Amino acid sequence: MPPGRLVTFEGADGSGKSTQARRLAADLAAAGHDVVLTREPGGSPGAEEIRRLLVSGDPGRWSAETEILLFTAARRDHLERLIRPALARGATVISDRFADSTRVYQGAARADLRAVVDRLHCDMIGLEPDLTLILDLPPETGLARGLARESGEDRFEDMGQGFQHRLVAGFRALATDAPERCVLIDARGAVDTVAERVRRAVEGRA
């Protein structure tokens, strides 16, 4: 295993992952840690190109099976170009999403393809986070937040409220299935309040 640490943020759309990932990265950097903040899909030039294919356009643009292949390709490039080199030098890598998003979005919420996701992950990625922080928010609240951003990257939000309910249930199940690395964080409340919950969770798993 590499000497660094991989910390990932997960959750349904609009749960505040990006904001909290930035907050944690800034706090750790201020404390003197070597920190790399990244995201998925994306994080490397090739993966960012694939991101544009995945997060915009019509909800029915890709099948769940095609999405799995695209996400895995993006993650492999991200792993080679950024994550493994950073871990090798001892950095803490904080990623806004990682493989658990594919497990839940394509492996459970869109279709029953978890076995396919896990098999590809084992063959092509082979790395699990040291700590996964799952931000838990009521689906209606998260969907409203996500659509309000008007980012142009709202393909998954456009799949509707039923899809968001399945996502939240999937991430909660993941936290139950992998308690050794996953912590469920209540994402309700002010940004500072949620950041304090994240801080306590990270310190508790240090």
Protein backbone atom coordinates (compact mmCIF):
# COMPACT_ATOMS: atom_id res chain seq x y z
CA MET A 1 0.00 0.00 0.00
CA PRO A 2 1.24 3.54 -0.71
CA PRO A 3 2.39 5.62 2.28
CA GLY A 4 -0.11 8.43 1.66
CA ARG A 5 -3.80 8.50 2.52
CA LEU A 6 -6.85 8.62 0.25
CA VAL A 7 -9.92 10.32 1.71
CA THR A 8 -13.07 10.43 -0.39
CA PHE A 9 -16.34 12.33 -0.14
CA GLU A 10 -19.49 10.61 -1.36
CA GLY A 11 -23.21 11.27 -1.39
CA ALA A 12 -26.13 12.05 -3.65
CA ASP A 13 -26.34 15.17 -5.79
CA GLY A 14 -26.43 18.44 -3.84
CA SER A 15 -25.26 16.95 -0.55
CA GLY A 16 -22.34 19.39 -0.20
CA LYS A 17 -19.43 17.12 -1.07
CA SER A 18 -17.45 19.68 -3.06
CA THR A 19 -17.78 22.36 -0.39
CA GLN A 20 -16.75 20.03 2.42
CA ALA A 21 -13.89 18.52 0.43
CA ARG A 22 -12.50 22.02 -0.12
CA ARG A 23 -12.91 22.88 3.55
CA LEU A 24 -11.12 19.76 4.74
CA ALA A 25 -8.29 20.22 2.23
CA ALA A 26 -7.78 23.83 3.33
CA ASP A 27 -7.80 22.89 7.02
CA LEU A 28 -5.27 20.08 6.56
CA ALA A 29 -3.02 22.26 4.38
CA ALA A 30 -3.12 25.01 7.03
CA ALA A 31 -1.98 22.43 9.57
CA GLY A 32 1.07 21.69 7.44
CA HIS A 33 -0.02 18.58 5.57
CA ASP A 34 0.78 17.87 1.92
CA VAL A 35 -2.75 17.79 0.46
CA VAL A 36 -4.01 17.15 -3.05
CA LEU A 37 -7.64 18.06 -3.73
CA THR A 38 -9.23 16.40 -6.74
CA ARG A 39 -12.56 15.19 -8.11
CA GLU A 40 -14.29 12.51 -10.16
CA PRO A 41 -15.05 12.14 -12.88
CA GLY A 42 -11.99 14.20 -13.68
CA GLY A 43 -8.82 15.08 -11.83
CA SER A 44 -6.50 14.55 -14.78
CA PRO A 45 -6.61 16.01 -18.30
CA GLY A 46 -7.88 12.82 -19.91
CA ALA A 47 -10.43 12.19 -17.19
CA GLU A 48 -11.72 15.75 -17.46
CA GLU A 49 -12.42 15.15 -21.15
CA ILE A 50 -14.45 12.07 -20.26
CA ARG A 51 -16.26 14.06 -17.54
CA ARG A 52 -17.79 16.33 -20.15
CA LEU A 53 -19.33 13.29 -21.83
CA LEU A 54 -20.84 12.00 -18.60
CA VAL A 55 -22.29 14.97 -16.70
CA SER A 56 -24.00 16.93 -19.48
CA GLY A 57 -26.59 16.19 -22.11
CA ASP A 58 -29.78 14.17 -22.14
CA PRO A 59 -30.34 11.80 -19.17
CA GLY A 60 -30.75 8.91 -21.61
CA ARG A 61 -27.55 9.70 -23.47
CA TRP A 62 -25.73 6.62 -22.14
CA SER A 63 -26.84 3.28 -20.79
CA ALA A 64 -25.73 2.30 -17.29
CA GLU A 65 -23.31 -0.21 -18.84
CA THR A 66 -21.68 2.44 -21.02
CA GLU A 67 -21.42 4.80 -18.05
CA ILE A 68 -19.57 2.15 -16.05
CA LEU A 69 -16.99 1.82 -18.81
CA LEU A 70 -16.58 5.59 -19.16
CA PHE A 71 -16.26 6.15 -15.42
CA THR A 72 -13.72 3.33 -15.11
CA ALA A 73 -11.64 4.74 -17.97
CA ALA A 74 -11.67 8.19 -16.37
CA ARG A 75 -10.77 6.73 -12.96
CA ARG A 76 -7.87 4.72 -14.39
CA ASP A 77 -6.34 7.84 -15.96
CA HIS A 78 -6.92 9.78 -12.73
CA LEU A 79 -5.25 6.99 -10.75
CA GLU A 80 -2.20 6.83 -13.02
CA ARG A 81 -1.67 10.54 -13.51
CA LEU A 82 -2.53 12.02 -10.12
CA ILE A 83 -3.61 9.74 -7.27
CA ARG A 84 -0.83 7.15 -7.17
CA PRO A 85 2.02 9.69 -7.62
CA ALA A 86 0.59 11.83 -4.81
CA LEU A 87 0.15 8.86 -2.47
CA ALA A 88 3.67 7.64 -3.28
CA ARG A 89 5.16 10.88 -2.00
CA GLY A 90 3.09 10.65 1.20
CA ALA A 91 0.38 13.20 0.41
CA THR A 92 -3.19 13.09 1.61
CA VAL A 93 -5.42 12.91 -1.46
CA ILE A 94 -8.95 14.24 -0.96
CA SER A 95 -11.28 13.27 -3.78
CA ASP A 96 -14.78 14.56 -4.39
CA ARG A 97 -16.20 11.15 -5.42
CA PHE A 98 -14.41 7.92 -6.26
CA ALA A 99 -15.41 4.31 -6.98
CA ASP A 100 -18.29 4.25 -4.50
CA SER A 101 -20.21 6.67 -6.71
CA THR A 102 -20.07 4.18 -9.57
CA ARG A 103 -21.11 1.38 -7.21
CA VAL A 104 -24.19 3.34 -6.15
CA TYR A 105 -25.14 5.33 -9.27
CA GLN A 106 -24.62 2.68 -11.95
CA GLY A 107 -24.37 -0.44 -9.79
CA ALA A 108 -27.56 0.09 -7.79
CA ALA A 109 -29.63 3.22 -8.55
CA ARG A 110 -29.67 2.90 -12.36
CA ALA A 111 -29.43 -0.87 -12.74
CA ASP A 112 -28.50 -4.03 -10.86
CA LEU A 113 -24.89 -4.00 -12.02
CA ARG A 114 -22.91 -3.94 -8.78
CA ALA A 115 -21.05 -7.17 -9.66
CA VAL A 116 -19.92 -5.66 -12.96
CA VAL A 117 -18.71 -2.48 -11.22
CA ASP A 118 -16.81 -4.45 -8.59
CA ARG A 119 -15.18 -6.73 -11.15
CA LEU A 120 -13.95 -3.82 -13.26
CA HIS A 121 -12.77 -2.00 -10.17
CA CYS A 122 -10.77 -5.01 -9.03
CA ASP A 123 -9.19 -5.50 -12.46
CA MET A 124 -8.52 -1.89 -13.45
CA ILE A 125 -8.31 0.23 -10.26
CA GLY A 126 -7.44 -2.00 -7.31
CA LEU A 127 -7.43 0.78 -4.72
CA GLU A 128 -9.94 1.54 -1.95
CA PRO A 129 -10.01 4.76 0.09
CA ASP A 130 -8.56 4.81 3.58
CA LEU A 131 -11.57 6.86 4.69
CA THR A 132 -14.88 7.60 2.97
CA LEU A 133 -17.11 10.39 4.27
CA ILE A 134 -20.69 9.96 3.05
CA LEU A 135 -22.72 13.16 3.28
CA ASP A 136 -26.32 12.24 4.02
CA LEU A 137 -29.11 14.65 3.09
CA PRO A 138 -32.84 14.19 2.39
CA PRO A 139 -33.23 13.54 -1.36
CA GLU A 140 -35.62 16.45 -1.91
CA THR A 141 -33.17 18.91 -0.33
CA GLY A 142 -30.22 17.62 -2.29
CA LEU A 143 -32.07 17.67 -5.60
CA ALA A 144 -33.22 21.26 -5.04
CA ARG A 145 -29.67 22.32 -4.24
CA GLY A 146 -28.25 20.54 -7.26
CA LEU A 147 -30.70 22.05 -9.71
CA ALA A 148 -30.30 25.52 -8.19
CA ARG A 149 -26.60 25.51 -9.10
CA GLU A 150 -27.48 25.65 -12.82
CA SER A 151 -23.98 24.37 -13.52
CA GLY A 152 -24.79 22.76 -16.85
CA GLU A 153 -23.61 19.47 -15.31
CA ASP A 154 -27.03 18.33 -14.19
CA ARG A 155 -27.59 15.20 -16.24
CA PHE A 156 -28.00 13.01 -13.15
CA GLU A 157 -30.21 15.53 -11.34
CA ASP A 158 -32.46 15.44 -14.41
CA MET A 159 -33.11 11.74 -13.79
CA GLY A 160 -35.63 12.86 -11.18
CA GLN A 161 -36.52 12.55 -7.53
CA GLY A 162 -37.04 8.79 -7.60
CA PHE A 163 -33.47 8.35 -8.76
CA GLN A 164 -32.24 10.63 -5.95
CA HIS A 165 -34.13 8.54 -3.38
CA ARG A 166 -32.40 5.41 -4.69
CA LEU A 167 -29.03 7.16 -4.48
CA VAL A 168 -29.50 8.16 -0.84
CA ALA A 169 -30.61 4.63 0.04
CA GLY A 170 -27.61 3.20 -1.82
CA PHE A 171 -25.10 5.36 0.00
CA ARG A 172 -26.66 4.56 3.38
CA ALA A 173 -26.40 0.85 2.56
CA LEU A 174 -22.77 1.33 1.59
CA ALA A 175 -22.03 2.92 4.98
CA THR A 176 -23.59 -0.10 6.67
CA ASP A 177 -21.73 -2.60 4.48
CA ALA A 178 -18.27 -1.01 4.86
CA PRO A 179 -18.09 0.48 8.38
CA GLU A 180 -14.34 -0.03 8.55
CA ARG A 181 -13.79 2.87 6.14
CA CYS A 182 -17.15 4.67 5.73
CA VAL A 183 -18.61 7.31 8.04
CA LEU A 184 -22.12 8.65 7.48
CA ILE A 185 -22.20 12.42 8.05
CA ASP A 186 -25.41 14.36 8.67
CA ALA A 187 -25.22 17.03 5.93
CA ARG A 188 -28.12 19.12 7.24
CA GLY A 189 -27.40 22.54 8.67
CA ALA A 190 -24.90 25.32 8.08
CA VAL A 191 -21.65 24.69 6.20
CA ASP A 192 -19.61 25.29 9.36
CA THR A 193 -21.73 22.85 11.33
CA VAL A 194 -21.26 20.10 8.76
CA ALA A 195 -17.53 20.91 8.53
CA GLU A 196 -17.22 20.34 12.28
CA ARG A 197 -18.88 16.93 11.91
CA VAL A 198 -16.42 16.10 9.12
CA ARG A 199 -13.48 17.24 11.25
CA ARG A 200 -14.54 15.02 14.14
CA ALA A 201 -14.97 12.05 11.83
CA VAL A 202 -11.49 12.51 10.33
CA GLU A 203 -9.88 12.89 13.74
CA GLY A 204 -11.72 9.80 14.95
CA ARG A 205 -10.20 7.73 12.15
CA ALA A 206 -6.70 9.24 12.24
